[in-house]
Amino acid sequence: MKNVLLEEFSPICRARHLSRFYILPDPAYKQSVKQRMEDILNQQNPTFVVPSTI
């Protein structure tokens, strides 16, 4: 029953309920975040990648 109620929440409310720190509004943002984090870990200036859904 609890999972059924979570499906009714907006993505932000669901993420908050699950104690997620980062909330990505669309799965397309994952590639942008991945590229930025890889740049930072490689001690490079972060690259800004525009998600394909924008």
PDB file of N, CA and C in Angstrom:
ATOM      1  N   MET A   1       0.827  -1.199   0.000  1.00  0.00           N
ATOM      2  CA  MET A   1       0.000   0.000   0.000  1.00  0.00           C
ATOM      3  C   MET A   1       0.868   1.258   0.000  1.00  0.00           C
ATOM      4  N   LYS A   2       1.967   1.233   0.745  1.00  0.00           N
ATOM      5  CA  LYS A   2       2.830   2.399   0.846  1.00  0.00           C
ATOM      6  C   LYS A   2       3.411   2.783  -0.520  1.00  0.00           C
ATOM      7  N   ASN A   3       3.866   1.796  -1.321  1.00  0.00           N
ATOM      8  CA  ASN A   3       4.415   2.086  -2.637  1.00  0.00           C
ATOM      9  C   ASN A   3       3.370   2.661  -3.580  1.00  0.00           C
ATOM     10  N   VAL A   4       2.136   2.249  -3.451  1.00  0.00           N
ATOM     11  CA  VAL A   4       1.063   2.785  -4.279  1.00  0.00           C
ATOM     12  C   VAL A   4       0.875   4.267  -3.988  1.00  0.00           C
ATOM     13  N   LEU A   5       0.954   4.654  -2.734  1.00  0.00           N
ATOM     14  CA  LEU A   5       0.826   6.059  -2.369  1.00  0.00           C
ATOM     15  C   LEU A   5       1.992   6.884  -2.911  1.00  0.00           C
ATOM     16  N   LEU A   6       3.199   6.316  -2.908  1.00  0.00           N
ATOM     17  CA  LEU A   6       4.359   7.038  -3.429  1.00  0.00           C
ATOM     18  C   LEU A   6       4.204   7.354  -4.912  1.00  0.00           C
ATOM     19  N   GLU A   7       3.554   6.465  -5.656  1.00  0.00           N
ATOM     20  CA  GLU A   7       3.355   6.695  -7.082  1.00  0.00           C
ATOM     21  C   GLU A   7       2.462   7.899  -7.334  1.00  0.00           C
ATOM     22  N   GLU A   8       1.656   8.260  -6.377  1.00  0.00           N
ATOM     23  CA  GLU A   8       0.747   9.392  -6.514  1.00  0.00           C
ATOM     24  C   GLU A   8       1.457  10.728  -6.289  1.00  0.00           C
ATOM     25  N   PHE A   9       2.580  10.718  -5.571  1.00  0.00           N
ATOM     26  CA  PHE A   9       3.303  11.950  -5.282  1.00  0.00           C
ATOM     27  C   PHE A   9       3.996  12.465  -6.531  1.00  0.00           C
ATOM     28  N   SER A  10       4.267  13.746  -6.547  1.00  0.00           N
ATOM     29  CA  SER A  10       5.088  14.302  -7.618  1.00  0.00           C
ATOM     30  C   SER A  10       6.501  13.755  -7.450  1.00  0.00           C
ATOM     31  N   PRO A  11       7.332  13.808  -8.502  1.00  0.00           N
ATOM     32  CA  PRO A  11       8.708  13.308  -8.366  1.00  0.00           C
ATOM     33  C   PRO A  11       9.484  13.964  -7.221  1.00  0.00           C
ATOM     34  N   ILE A  12       9.259  15.229  -6.981  1.00  0.00           N
ATOM     35  CA  ILE A  12       9.973  15.923  -5.901  1.00  0.00           C
ATOM     36  C   ILE A  12       9.515  15.413  -4.543  1.00  0.00           C
ATOM     37  N   CYS A  13       8.238  15.259  -4.360  1.00  0.00           N
ATOM     38  CA  CYS A  13       7.731  14.741  -3.084  1.00  0.00           C
ATOM     39  C   CYS A  13       8.206  13.309  -2.856  1.00  0.00           C
ATOM     40  N   ARG A  14       8.220  12.515  -3.928  1.00  0.00           N
ATOM     41  CA  ARG A  14       8.671  11.130  -3.816  1.00  0.00           C
ATOM     42  C   ARG A  14      10.152  11.097  -3.428  1.00  0.00           C
ATOM     43  N   ALA A  15      10.974  11.940  -4.061  1.00  0.00           N
ATOM     44  CA  ALA A  15      12.404  11.974  -3.736  1.00  0.00           C
ATOM     45  C   ALA A  15      12.609  12.411  -2.293  1.00  0.00           C
ATOM     46  N   ARG A  16      11.862  13.386  -1.867  1.00  0.00           N
ATOM     47  CA  ARG A  16      11.967  13.869  -0.480  1.00  0.00           C
ATOM     48  C   ARG A  16      11.586  12.760   0.496  1.00  0.00           C
ATOM     49  N   HIS A  17      10.522  12.059   0.183  1.00  0.00           N
ATOM     50  CA  HIS A  17      10.055  10.972   1.041  1.00  0.00           C
ATOM     51  C   HIS A  17      11.115   9.865   1.140  1.00  0.00           C
ATOM     52  N   LEU A  18      11.858   9.632   0.059  1.00  0.00           N
ATOM     53  CA  LEU A  18      12.884   8.599   0.041  1.00  0.00           C
ATOM     54  C   LEU A  18      14.239   9.117   0.512  1.00  0.00           C
ATOM     55  N   SER A  19      14.272  10.361   1.002  1.00  0.00           N
ATOM     56  CA  SER A  19      15.484  10.990   1.532  1.00  0.00           C
ATOM     57  C   SER A  19      16.605  11.074   0.492  1.00  0.00           C
ATOM     58  N   ARG A  20      16.248  11.375  -0.731  1.00  0.00           N
ATOM     59  CA  ARG A  20      17.251  11.555  -1.775  1.00  0.00           C
ATOM     60  C   ARG A  20      17.784  12.979  -1.700  1.00  0.00           C
ATOM     61  N   PHE A  21      19.100  13.099  -1.788  1.00  0.00           N
ATOM     62  CA  PHE A  21      19.725  14.412  -1.696  1.00  0.00           C
ATOM     63  C   PHE A  21      19.606  15.168  -3.013  1.00  0.00           C
ATOM     64  N   TYR A  22      19.872  14.478  -4.128  1.00  0.00           N
ATOM     65  CA  TYR A  22      19.771  15.107  -5.444  1.00  0.00           C
ATOM     66  C   TYR A  22      18.461  14.707  -6.107  1.00  0.00           C
ATOM     67  N   ILE A  23      17.805  15.689  -6.673  1.00  0.00           N
ATOM     68  CA  ILE A  23      16.550  15.442  -7.367  1.00  0.00           C
ATOM     69  C   ILE A  23      16.721  15.911  -8.807  1.00  0.00           C
ATOM     70  N   LEU A  24      16.729  14.974  -9.729  1.00  0.00           N
ATOM     71  CA  LEU A  24      16.858  15.299 -11.150  1.00  0.00           C
ATOM     72  C   LEU A  24      15.465  15.345 -11.759  1.00  0.00           C
ATOM     73  N   PRO A  25      15.090  16.474 -12.369  1.00  0.00           N
ATOM     74  CA  PRO A  25      13.736  16.619 -12.891  1.00  0.00           C
ATOM     75  C   PRO A  25      13.433  15.731 -14.090  1.00  0.00           C
ATOM     76  N   ASP A  26      14.471  15.233 -14.740  1.00  0.00           N
ATOM     77  CA  ASP A  26      14.276  14.423 -15.938  1.00  0.00           C
ATOM     78  C   ASP A  26      15.478  13.487 -16.072  1.00  0.00           C
ATOM     79  N   PRO A  27      15.274  12.249 -16.514  1.00  0.00           N
ATOM     80  CA  PRO A  27      16.405  11.324 -16.665  1.00  0.00           C
ATOM     81  C   PRO A  27      17.498  11.833 -17.606  1.00  0.00           C
ATOM     82  N   ALA A  28      17.171  12.733 -18.519  1.00  0.00           N
ATOM     83  CA  ALA A  28      18.161  13.271 -19.451  1.00  0.00           C
ATOM     84  C   ALA A  28      19.267  14.039 -18.727  1.00  0.00           C
ATOM     85  N   TYR A  29      19.022  14.497 -17.530  1.00  0.00           N
ATOM     86  CA  TYR A  29      20.019  15.248 -16.770  1.00  0.00           C
ATOM     87  C   TYR A  29      21.148  14.357 -16.249  1.00  0.00           C
ATOM     88  N   LYS A  30      20.922  13.058 -16.206  1.00  0.00           N
ATOM     89  CA  LYS A  30      21.943  12.156 -15.672  1.00  0.00           C
ATOM     90  C   LYS A  30      23.251  12.256 -16.445  1.00  0.00           C
ATOM     91  N   GLN A  31      23.186  12.351 -17.771  1.00  0.00           N
ATOM     92  CA  GLN A  31      24.409  12.459 -18.572  1.00  0.00           C
ATOM     93  C   GLN A  31      25.147  13.761 -18.263  1.00  0.00           C
ATOM     94  N   SER A  32      24.413  14.841 -18.081  1.00  0.00           N
ATOM     95  CA  SER A  32      25.038  16.122 -17.748  1.00  0.00           C
ATOM     96  C   SER A  32      25.752  16.048 -16.400  1.00  0.00           C
ATOM     97  N   VAL A  33      25.107  15.456 -15.426  1.00  0.00           N
ATOM     98  CA  VAL A  33      25.700  15.323 -14.093  1.00  0.00           C
ATOM     99  C   VAL A  33      26.921  14.416 -14.150  1.00  0.00           C
ATOM    100  N   LYS A  34      26.808  13.310 -14.883  1.00  0.00           N
ATOM    101  CA  LYS A  34      27.925  12.374 -15.015  1.00  0.00           C
ATOM    102  C   LYS A  34      29.147  13.065 -15.627  1.00  0.00           C
ATOM    103  N   GLN A  35      28.929  13.817 -16.707  1.00  0.00           N
ATOM    104  CA  GLN A  35      30.048  14.506 -17.367  1.00  0.00           C
ATOM    105  C   GLN A  35      30.702  15.516 -16.429  1.00  0.00           C
ATOM    106  N   ARG A  36      29.888  16.268 -15.713  1.00  0.00           N
ATOM    107  CA  ARG A  36      30.411  17.278 -14.786  1.00  0.00           C
ATOM    108  C   ARG A  36      31.239  16.625 -13.677  1.00  0.00           C
ATOM    109  N   MET A  37      30.740  15.552 -13.098  1.00  0.00           N
ATOM    110  CA  MET A  37      31.454  14.874 -12.014  1.00  0.00           C
ATOM    111  C   MET A  37      32.749  14.235 -12.512  1.00  0.00           C
ATOM    112  N   GLU A  38      32.719  13.659 -13.721  1.00  0.00           N
ATOM    113  CA  GLU A  38      33.943  13.085 -14.271  1.00  0.00           C
ATOM    114  C   GLU A  38      35.007  14.170 -14.490  1.00  0.00           C
ATOM    115  N   ASP A  39      34.592  15.325 -14.981  1.00  0.00           N
ATOM    116  CA  ASP A  39      35.531  16.433 -15.165  1.00  0.00           C
ATOM    117  C   ASP A  39      36.138  16.858 -13.834  1.00  0.00           C
ATOM    118  N   ILE A  40      35.318  16.983 -12.837  1.00  0.00           N
ATOM    119  CA  ILE A  40      35.807  17.397 -11.517  1.00  0.00           C
ATOM    120  C   ILE A  40      36.785  16.367 -10.960  1.00  0.00           C
ATOM    121  N   LEU A  41      36.452  15.087 -11.064  1.00  0.00           N
ATOM    122  CA  LEU A  41      37.337  14.037 -10.565  1.00  0.00           C
ATOM    123  C   LEU A  41      38.647  13.973 -11.342  1.00  0.00           C
ATOM    124  N   ASN A  42      38.621  14.383 -12.594  1.00  0.00           N
ATOM    125  CA  ASN A  42      39.829  14.426 -13.421  1.00  0.00           C
ATOM    126  C   ASN A  42      40.567  15.759 -13.284  1.00  0.00           C
ATOM    127  N   GLN A  43      40.141  16.556 -12.313  1.00  0.00           N
ATOM    128  CA  GLN A  43      40.739  17.861 -12.010  1.00  0.00           C
ATOM    129  C   GLN A  43      40.750  18.779 -13.228  1.00  0.00           C
ATOM    130  N   GLN A  44      39.636  18.783 -13.933  1.00  0.00           N
ATOM    131  CA  GLN A  44      39.434  19.660 -15.086  1.00  0.00           C
ATOM    132  C   GLN A  44      38.277  20.593 -14.773  1.00  0.00           C
ATOM    133  N   ASN A  45      38.225  21.699 -15.495  1.00  0.00           N
ATOM    134  CA  ASN A  45      37.069  22.570 -15.350  1.00  0.00           C
ATOM    135  C   ASN A  45      35.823  21.814 -15.819  1.00  0.00           C
ATOM    136  N   PRO A  46      34.741  21.906 -15.071  1.00  0.00           N
ATOM    137  CA  PRO A  46      33.527  21.177 -15.438  1.00  0.00           C
ATOM    138  C   PRO A  46      32.962  21.624 -16.788  1.00  0.00           C
ATOM    139  N   THR A  47      32.493  20.648 -17.533  1.00  0.00           N
ATOM    140  CA  THR A  47      31.843  20.888 -18.812  1.00  0.00           C
ATOM    141  C   THR A  47      30.349  21.022 -18.575  1.00  0.00           C
ATOM    142  N   PHE A  48      29.744  21.995 -19.231  1.00  0.00           N
ATOM    143  CA  PHE A  48      28.303  22.146 -19.128  1.00  0.00           C
ATOM    144  C   PHE A  48      27.679  21.461 -20.327  1.00  0.00           C
ATOM    145  N   VAL A  49      26.904  20.412 -20.081  1.00  0.00           N
ATOM    146  CA  VAL A  49      26.232  19.676 -21.138  1.00  0.00           C
ATOM    147  C   VAL A  49      24.747  19.941 -21.019  1.00  0.00           C
ATOM    148  N   VAL A  50      24.152  20.453 -22.084  1.00  0.00           N
ATOM    149  CA  VAL A  50      22.720  20.736 -22.075  1.00  0.00           C
ATOM    150  C   VAL A  50      21.973  19.432 -22.341  1.00  0.00           C
ATOM    151  N   PRO A  51      21.068  19.044 -21.429  1.00  0.00           N
ATOM    152  CA  PRO A  51      20.280  17.834 -21.659  1.00  0.00           C
ATOM    153  C   PRO A  51      19.474  17.943 -22.951  1.00  0.00           C
ATOM    154  N   SER A  52      19.264  16.829 -23.592  1.00  0.00           N
ATOM    155  CA  SER A  52      18.581  16.814 -24.883  1.00  0.00           C
ATOM    156  C   SER A  52      17.114  17.200 -24.791  1.00  0.00           C
ATOM    157  N   THR A  53      16.536  17.203 -23.601  1.00  0.00           N
ATOM    158  CA  THR A  53      15.111  17.523 -23.473  1.00  0.00           C
ATOM    159  C   THR A  53      14.836  19.008 -23.340  1.00  0.00           C
ATOM    160  N   ILE A  54      15.867  19.827 -23.238  1.00  0.00           N
ATOM    161  CA  ILE A  54      15.660  21.275 -23.077  1.00  0.00           C
ATOM    162  C   ILE A  54      15.485  21.913 -24.430  1.00  0.00           C
TER     163      ILE A  54
END
